[in-house]
Amino acid sequence: PGAPVAHINLGHAYQALGQTEKAIAEFEKSLVLLPDAPVINYNIAAIYYQQKQFDLAQRRFMAELVNNPQNDQALHYLRILEDKELRKVLEQ
């Protein structure tokens, strides 16, 4: 219960099985234990992005960049979500 890496691994396993709510819950547990850890917010953001929950994804990509400013993928997706024209295409 208190091992952040175990929660991260379990989150990845749930994500691979398509159990995204459980995956997010496990990633969230790891963030409680390691709030400044890189990539965890990115993992959550990626799930939200795939689900077209773009506002939630955008917030998580931003949180990822606070903890890990060198995450080029998070920056890439954040720029897409901030571009109004691209976002309209995604929302279709």
N, C-alpha and C. Protein backbone atom coordinates (compact mmCIF):
# COMPACT_ATOMS: atom_id res chain seq x y z
N PRO A 1 0.80 -1.21 0.00
CA PRO A 1 0.00 0.00 0.00
C PRO A 1 0.84 1.27 0.00
N GLY A 2 2.05 1.23 0.58
CA GLY A 2 2.85 2.43 0.68
C GLY A 2 3.99 2.50 -0.30
N ALA A 3 4.05 1.58 -1.25
CA ALA A 3 5.16 1.56 -2.20
C ALA A 3 4.74 2.24 -3.50
N PRO A 4 5.26 3.45 -3.76
CA PRO A 4 4.84 4.18 -4.95
C PRO A 4 5.12 3.43 -6.25
N VAL A 5 6.23 2.74 -6.32
CA VAL A 5 6.56 2.01 -7.55
C VAL A 5 5.54 0.90 -7.80
N ALA A 6 5.08 0.26 -6.75
CA ALA A 6 4.06 -0.77 -6.90
C ALA A 6 2.77 -0.18 -7.48
N HIS A 7 2.40 1.00 -7.01
CA HIS A 7 1.20 1.66 -7.54
C HIS A 7 1.39 2.05 -9.00
N ILE A 8 2.57 2.52 -9.34
CA ILE A 8 2.85 2.87 -10.74
C ILE A 8 2.76 1.64 -11.62
N ASN A 9 3.39 0.55 -11.19
CA ASN A 9 3.35 -0.69 -11.98
C ASN A 9 1.92 -1.21 -12.12
N LEU A 10 1.17 -1.16 -11.04
CA LEU A 10 -0.22 -1.61 -11.09
C LEU A 10 -1.03 -0.70 -12.01
N GLY A 11 -0.76 0.60 -11.97
CA GLY A 11 -1.42 1.53 -12.88
C GLY A 11 -1.17 1.17 -14.34
N HIS A 12 0.08 0.85 -14.66
CA HIS A 12 0.42 0.44 -16.03
C HIS A 12 -0.30 -0.85 -16.41
N ALA A 13 -0.37 -1.78 -15.48
CA ALA A 13 -1.06 -3.05 -15.75
C ALA A 13 -2.54 -2.81 -16.03
N TYR A 14 -3.19 -2.01 -15.20
CA TYR A 14 -4.60 -1.69 -15.42
C TYR A 14 -4.79 -0.96 -16.75
N GLN A 15 -3.89 -0.06 -17.05
CA GLN A 15 -3.99 0.69 -18.30
C GLN A 15 -3.89 -0.26 -19.49
N ALA A 16 -2.97 -1.20 -19.43
CA ALA A 16 -2.81 -2.17 -20.52
C ALA A 16 -4.05 -3.04 -20.69
N LEU A 17 -4.76 -3.27 -19.60
CA LEU A 17 -5.99 -4.07 -19.64
C LEU A 17 -7.22 -3.24 -20.01
N GLY A 18 -7.00 -1.94 -20.20
CA GLY A 18 -8.11 -1.06 -20.55
C GLY A 18 -8.96 -0.64 -19.37
N GLN A 19 -8.47 -0.89 -18.17
CA GLN A 19 -9.19 -0.51 -16.95
C GLN A 19 -8.67 0.85 -16.48
N THR A 20 -9.08 1.87 -17.22
CA THR A 20 -8.47 3.18 -17.05
C THR A 20 -8.81 3.83 -15.71
N GLU A 21 -10.01 3.61 -15.19
CA GLU A 21 -10.34 4.21 -13.89
C GLU A 21 -9.45 3.65 -12.79
N LYS A 22 -9.22 2.35 -12.84
CA LYS A 22 -8.33 1.73 -11.85
C LYS A 22 -6.90 2.20 -12.06
N ALA A 23 -6.50 2.36 -13.31
CA ALA A 23 -5.14 2.84 -13.61
C ALA A 23 -4.94 4.23 -13.02
N ILE A 24 -5.89 5.12 -13.27
CA ILE A 24 -5.78 6.48 -12.73
C ILE A 24 -5.72 6.45 -11.21
N ALA A 25 -6.55 5.62 -10.59
CA ALA A 25 -6.56 5.53 -9.13
C ALA A 25 -5.19 5.11 -8.60
N GLU A 26 -4.55 4.16 -9.26
CA GLU A 26 -3.23 3.71 -8.81
C GLU A 26 -2.17 4.79 -9.04
N PHE A 27 -2.24 5.46 -10.17
CA PHE A 27 -1.30 6.56 -10.42
C PHE A 27 -1.49 7.67 -9.38
N GLU A 28 -2.75 7.94 -9.04
CA GLU A 28 -3.02 8.96 -8.02
C GLU A 28 -2.42 8.56 -6.67
N LYS A 29 -2.53 7.29 -6.32
CA LYS A 29 -1.94 6.82 -5.05
C LYS A 29 -0.43 7.04 -5.05
N SER A 30 0.20 6.80 -6.19
CA SER A 30 1.65 7.00 -6.25
C SER A 30 2.00 8.49 -6.12
N LEU A 31 1.13 9.37 -6.65
CA LEU A 31 1.39 10.81 -6.52
C LEU A 31 1.27 11.29 -5.08
N VAL A 32 0.40 10.66 -4.30
CA VAL A 32 0.29 11.01 -2.88
C VAL A 32 1.63 10.74 -2.19
N LEU A 33 2.26 9.64 -2.57
CA LEU A 33 3.52 9.25 -1.94
C LEU A 33 4.73 9.96 -2.55
N LEU A 34 4.64 10.29 -3.83
CA LEU A 34 5.73 10.97 -4.54
C LEU A 34 5.17 12.13 -5.36
N PRO A 35 4.75 13.21 -4.72
CA PRO A 35 4.05 14.28 -5.43
C PRO A 35 4.86 14.98 -6.53
N ASP A 36 6.16 14.94 -6.45
CA ASP A 36 6.99 15.61 -7.46
C ASP A 36 7.59 14.64 -8.47
N ALA A 37 7.13 13.41 -8.46
CA ALA A 37 7.70 12.41 -9.36
C ALA A 37 7.36 12.72 -10.81
N PRO A 38 8.36 12.60 -11.68
CA PRO A 38 8.09 12.82 -13.10
C PRO A 38 7.32 11.65 -13.70
N VAL A 39 6.63 11.92 -14.76
CA VAL A 39 5.94 10.96 -15.62
C VAL A 39 4.57 10.50 -15.10
N ILE A 40 4.33 10.53 -13.81
CA ILE A 40 3.05 10.04 -13.30
C ILE A 40 1.89 10.89 -13.82
N ASN A 41 2.03 12.20 -13.73
CA ASN A 41 0.98 13.07 -14.28
C ASN A 41 0.85 12.88 -15.79
N TYR A 42 1.94 12.62 -16.45
CA TYR A 42 1.90 12.36 -17.89
C TYR A 42 1.07 11.11 -18.18
N ASN A 43 1.26 10.06 -17.39
CA ASN A 43 0.49 8.83 -17.59
C ASN A 43 -1.01 9.09 -17.44
N ILE A 44 -1.37 9.85 -16.43
CA ILE A 44 -2.78 10.19 -16.22
C ILE A 44 -3.29 11.05 -17.38
N ALA A 45 -2.50 12.02 -17.79
CA ALA A 45 -2.88 12.90 -18.89
C ALA A 45 -3.12 12.10 -20.17
N ALA A 46 -2.26 11.12 -20.43
CA ALA A 46 -2.39 10.31 -21.64
C ALA A 46 -3.72 9.55 -21.65
N ILE A 47 -4.12 9.05 -20.50
CA ILE A 47 -5.41 8.35 -20.41
C ILE A 47 -6.54 9.33 -20.71
N TYR A 48 -6.52 10.48 -20.06
CA TYR A 48 -7.56 11.48 -20.31
C TYR A 48 -7.58 11.91 -21.78
N TYR A 49 -6.42 12.06 -22.37
CA TYR A 49 -6.32 12.46 -23.77
C TYR A 49 -6.99 11.40 -24.66
N GLN A 50 -6.68 10.15 -24.42
CA GLN A 50 -7.28 9.06 -25.20
C GLN A 50 -8.80 9.02 -25.03
N GLN A 51 -9.27 9.41 -23.87
CA GLN A 51 -10.71 9.43 -23.60
C GLN A 51 -11.37 10.72 -24.08
N LYS A 52 -10.60 11.59 -24.70
CA LYS A 52 -11.07 12.90 -25.17
C LYS A 52 -11.59 13.78 -24.04
N GLN A 53 -11.03 13.59 -22.85
CA GLN A 53 -11.30 14.48 -21.72
C GLN A 53 -10.17 15.51 -21.70
N PHE A 54 -10.25 16.41 -22.67
CA PHE A 54 -9.12 17.28 -22.95
C PHE A 54 -8.81 18.30 -21.87
N ASP A 55 -9.81 18.79 -21.16
CA ASP A 55 -9.53 19.74 -20.08
C ASP A 55 -8.74 19.07 -18.96
N LEU A 56 -9.14 17.84 -18.62
CA LEU A 56 -8.41 17.10 -17.59
C LEU A 56 -7.00 16.75 -18.07
N ALA A 57 -6.89 16.35 -19.33
CA ALA A 57 -5.58 16.02 -19.89
C ALA A 57 -4.67 17.25 -19.86
N GLN A 58 -5.21 18.39 -20.25
CA GLN A 58 -4.41 19.61 -20.29
C GLN A 58 -3.86 19.95 -18.91
N ARG A 59 -4.69 19.83 -17.88
CA ARG A 59 -4.22 20.13 -16.52
C ARG A 59 -3.10 19.18 -16.10
N ARG A 60 -3.23 17.91 -16.46
CA ARG A 60 -2.20 16.94 -16.08
C ARG A 60 -0.91 17.13 -16.86
N PHE A 61 -1.02 17.48 -18.15
CA PHE A 61 0.20 17.76 -18.91
C PHE A 61 0.92 18.96 -18.31
N MET A 62 0.17 19.97 -17.88
CA MET A 62 0.78 21.13 -17.24
C MET A 62 1.45 20.74 -15.92
N ALA A 63 0.79 19.90 -15.13
CA ALA A 63 1.38 19.44 -13.87
C ALA A 63 2.65 18.65 -14.13
N GLU A 64 2.65 17.85 -15.20
CA GLU A 64 3.84 17.10 -15.56
C GLU A 64 5.01 18.03 -15.86
N LEU A 65 4.72 19.10 -16.58
CA LEU A 65 5.79 20.03 -16.95
C LEU A 65 6.33 20.81 -15.75
N VAL A 66 5.53 20.99 -14.73
CA VAL A 66 6.02 21.62 -13.50
C VAL A 66 7.07 20.71 -12.86
N ASN A 67 6.78 19.42 -12.82
CA ASN A 67 7.70 18.45 -12.20
C ASN A 67 8.83 18.04 -13.13
N ASN A 68 8.58 18.09 -14.43
CA ASN A 68 9.54 17.57 -15.39
C ASN A 68 9.52 18.46 -16.65
N PRO A 69 10.14 19.64 -16.57
CA PRO A 69 10.09 20.59 -17.69
C PRO A 69 10.70 20.07 -18.99
N GLN A 70 11.49 19.03 -18.92
CA GLN A 70 12.13 18.48 -20.12
C GLN A 70 11.27 17.43 -20.82
N ASN A 71 10.05 17.20 -20.35
CA ASN A 71 9.19 16.19 -20.97
C ASN A 71 8.62 16.77 -22.27
N ASP A 72 9.31 16.50 -23.37
CA ASP A 72 8.92 17.04 -24.67
C ASP A 72 7.56 16.52 -25.13
N GLN A 73 7.24 15.30 -24.78
CA GLN A 73 5.94 14.75 -25.18
C GLN A 73 4.79 15.50 -24.49
N ALA A 74 4.95 15.78 -23.22
CA ALA A 74 3.92 16.53 -22.50
C ALA A 74 3.77 17.92 -23.11
N LEU A 75 4.88 18.55 -23.44
CA LEU A 75 4.83 19.87 -24.07
C LEU A 75 4.15 19.80 -25.43
N HIS A 76 4.45 18.78 -26.20
CA HIS A 76 3.83 18.58 -27.52
C HIS A 76 2.31 18.49 -27.40
N TYR A 77 1.83 17.62 -26.50
CA TYR A 77 0.39 17.45 -26.35
C TYR A 77 -0.27 18.70 -25.77
N LEU A 78 0.42 19.37 -24.88
CA LEU A 78 -0.12 20.60 -24.31
C LEU A 78 -0.29 21.67 -25.40
N ARG A 79 0.67 21.77 -26.28
CA ARG A 79 0.56 22.74 -27.38
C ARG A 79 -0.62 22.40 -28.30
N ILE A 80 -0.82 21.11 -28.56
CA ILE A 80 -1.97 20.70 -29.37
C ILE A 80 -3.27 21.12 -28.69
N LEU A 81 -3.37 20.85 -27.40
CA LEU A 81 -4.60 21.17 -26.68
C LEU A 81 -4.84 22.66 -26.55
N GLU A 82 -3.78 23.44 -26.55
CA GLU A 82 -3.93 24.89 -26.45
C GLU A 82 -4.24 25.54 -27.80
N ASP A 83 -4.02 24.81 -28.89
CA ASP A 83 -4.32 25.32 -30.22
C ASP A 83 -5.81 25.09 -30.50
N LYS A 84 -6.57 26.16 -30.59
CA LYS A 84 -8.03 26.06 -30.70
C LYS A 84 -8.46 25.31 -31.96
N GLU A 85 -7.78 25.51 -33.06
CA GLU A 85 -8.15 24.84 -34.30
C GLU A 85 -7.87 23.34 -34.23
N LEU A 86 -6.71 22.98 -33.71
CA LEU A 86 -6.39 21.56 -33.56
C LEU A 86 -7.35 20.88 -32.58
N ARG A 87 -7.69 21.59 -31.55
CA ARG A 87 -8.58 21.02 -30.53
C ARG A 87 -9.96 20.76 -31.11
N LYS A 88 -10.43 21.63 -31.98
CA LYS A 88 -11.72 21.39 -32.64
C LYS A 88 -11.69 20.09 -33.44
N VAL A 89 -10.58 19.86 -34.12
CA VAL A 89 -10.44 18.62 -34.91
C VAL A 89 -10.47 17.41 -33.98
N LEU A 90 -9.77 17.49 -32.88
CA LEU A 90 -9.72 16.37 -31.93
C LEU A 90 -11.08 16.07 -31.33
N GLU A 91 -11.87 17.10 -31.10
CA GLU A 91 -13.15 16.92 -30.44
C GLU A 91 -14.22 16.34 -31.35
N GLN A 92 -13.93 16.23 -32.63
CA GLN A 92 -14.91 15.65 -33.56
C GLN A 92 -15.03 14.16 -33.40
